[in-house]
Amino acid sequence: MAEYLIYFNQQWVGDHPEEWFQERGPLARAVVDEMIAAGVYVFAGGLEEDLDLAFSADATSGEVLITDGPFAETKEWLGGFCVVDVPDVETAKVWAGKVAVACGWPQEVRPFGQWDPPRT
């Protein structure tokens, strides 16, 4: 099995009335429930849109510097994501399609690197 990140940038969501978003919630929850039932669910969540709640940690100078806001000024930022543990990329694509249909906006898929951290 391999873990894949399925995610979207907040700017991909588009402008919709509140009622539209309320209709999407149960659809998205149903996909998460389906992931859980299929045994592929690792984690899912949406991020706060308010960038005033974000902060950055940078240790490249040799000391940790914590600053308010995102690390880089950018026009796009992560809006939400889920992690699935599936047998192959084709299965990850299927789940990304289900998430895209439920949410109503595009999703991007990327595999996690093949790093096996030591377990305690």
Protein backbone atom coordinates (compact mmCIF):
# COMPACT_ATOMS: atom_id res chain seq x y z
CA MET A 1 0.00 0.00 0.00
CA ALA A 2 1.10 3.58 -0.61
CA GLU A 3 -0.10 6.86 0.82
CA TYR A 4 -1.32 9.62 -1.47
CA LEU A 5 -2.17 13.22 -0.70
CA ILE A 6 -5.37 14.47 -2.34
CA TYR A 7 -5.61 18.24 -1.94
CA PHE A 8 -6.91 21.52 -3.27
CA ASN A 9 -5.88 25.15 -3.17
CA GLN A 10 -8.45 27.48 -1.66
CA GLN A 11 -8.57 29.52 -4.85
CA TRP A 12 -9.87 26.50 -6.81
CA VAL A 13 -13.10 26.50 -4.82
CA GLY A 14 -14.68 29.44 -6.62
CA ASP A 15 -17.46 31.74 -5.56
CA HIS A 16 -20.67 30.02 -4.54
CA PRO A 17 -23.63 30.91 -2.32
CA GLU A 18 -23.72 29.52 1.22
CA GLU A 19 -26.51 27.12 0.25
CA TRP A 20 -24.23 25.51 -2.34
CA PHE A 21 -21.57 24.83 0.30
CA GLN A 22 -24.19 23.42 2.69
CA GLU A 23 -25.21 20.95 -0.02
CA ARG A 24 -21.59 19.83 -0.52
CA GLY A 25 -20.95 19.00 3.15
CA PRO A 26 -22.99 15.79 3.26
CA LEU A 27 -21.51 14.69 -0.08
CA ALA A 28 -17.97 15.17 1.19
CA ARG A 29 -18.82 13.40 4.46
CA ALA A 30 -20.19 10.47 2.47
CA VAL A 31 -16.89 10.10 0.58
CA VAL A 32 -14.94 10.17 3.84
CA ASP A 33 -17.29 7.54 5.29
CA GLU A 34 -16.74 5.46 2.14
CA MET A 35 -12.95 5.79 2.57
CA ILE A 36 -13.24 4.65 6.18
CA ALA A 37 -15.41 1.68 5.20
CA ALA A 38 -12.94 0.72 2.45
CA GLY A 39 -10.03 0.90 4.90
CA VAL A 40 -8.09 3.52 2.90
CA TYR A 41 -8.73 6.58 5.09
CA VAL A 42 -5.71 8.02 6.92
CA PHE A 43 -6.73 11.64 7.56
CA ALA A 44 -8.78 14.47 6.04
CA GLY A 45 -9.45 18.07 6.90
CA GLY A 46 -10.07 21.56 5.65
CA LEU A 47 -7.84 24.43 6.70
CA GLU A 48 -8.93 27.77 8.11
CA GLU A 49 -9.19 30.35 5.34
CA ASP A 50 -8.11 33.24 7.57
CA LEU A 51 -4.37 33.65 6.90
CA ASP A 52 -4.14 35.80 10.04
CA LEU A 53 -4.34 32.49 11.92
CA ALA A 54 -1.29 31.10 10.08
CA PHE A 55 2.31 31.34 11.23
CA SER A 56 5.65 30.15 9.92
CA ALA A 57 8.69 28.56 11.54
CA ASP A 58 12.05 29.07 9.80
CA ALA A 59 15.34 27.63 11.09
CA THR A 60 17.49 28.28 8.02
CA SER A 61 19.50 30.97 9.86
CA GLY A 62 20.50 28.52 12.59
CA GLU A 63 17.90 29.89 14.99
CA VAL A 64 14.17 29.28 14.90
CA LEU A 65 12.25 32.35 13.80
CA ILE A 66 8.47 32.27 14.25
CA THR A 67 6.53 34.84 12.22
CA ASP A 68 2.86 35.58 11.73
CA GLY A 69 1.28 34.61 8.44
CA PRO A 70 2.33 32.33 5.63
CA PHE A 71 6.04 31.85 4.89
CA ALA A 72 5.83 33.25 1.38
CA GLU A 73 3.53 35.81 -0.19
CA THR A 74 1.49 33.85 -2.70
CA LYS A 75 -1.74 34.04 -4.64
CA GLU A 76 -2.72 30.46 -3.78
CA TRP A 77 -2.68 28.49 -0.56
CA LEU A 78 -3.73 25.07 0.61
CA GLY A 79 -7.43 24.81 1.40
CA GLY A 80 -7.83 21.20 2.48
CA PHE A 81 -6.59 17.70 1.99
CA CYS A 82 -6.99 14.03 2.70
CA VAL A 83 -4.49 11.19 2.88
CA VAL A 84 -5.41 7.76 1.56
CA ASP A 85 -3.49 4.51 1.85
CA VAL A 86 -4.20 2.57 -1.35
CA PRO A 87 -2.56 -0.18 -3.41
CA ASP A 88 -1.69 1.92 -6.47
CA VAL A 89 -1.94 5.24 -8.27
CA GLU A 90 -5.02 4.15 -10.21
CA THR A 91 -6.91 3.65 -6.95
CA ALA A 92 -5.70 7.05 -5.72
CA LYS A 93 -7.12 8.59 -8.90
CA VAL A 94 -10.49 6.96 -8.24
CA TRP A 95 -10.63 8.45 -4.74
CA ALA A 96 -9.50 11.87 -6.02
CA GLY A 97 -12.35 11.77 -8.53
CA LYS A 98 -14.85 10.97 -5.80
CA VAL A 99 -13.54 13.84 -3.67
CA ALA A 100 -13.67 16.23 -6.65
CA VAL A 101 -17.29 15.30 -7.39
CA ALA A 102 -18.33 15.64 -3.75
CA CYS A 103 -16.56 18.95 -3.18
CA GLY A 104 -17.34 20.47 -6.56
CA TRP A 105 -13.82 21.69 -7.30
CA PRO A 106 -10.57 20.20 -8.65
CA GLN A 107 -8.25 18.03 -6.59
CA GLU A 108 -4.56 17.33 -7.09
CA VAL A 109 -2.93 14.02 -6.18
CA ARG A 110 0.67 13.40 -5.14
CA PRO A 111 2.31 10.31 -3.68
CA PHE A 112 4.29 10.53 -0.49
CA GLY A 113 7.99 9.75 -0.87
CA GLN A 114 9.24 6.29 -0.07
CA TRP A 115 10.82 7.10 3.29
CA ASP A 116 10.48 4.56 6.06
CA PRO A 117 11.02 6.39 9.36
CA PRO A 118 12.19 4.42 12.37
CA ARG A 119 9.32 3.28 14.57
CA THR A 120 9.48 3.57 18.32
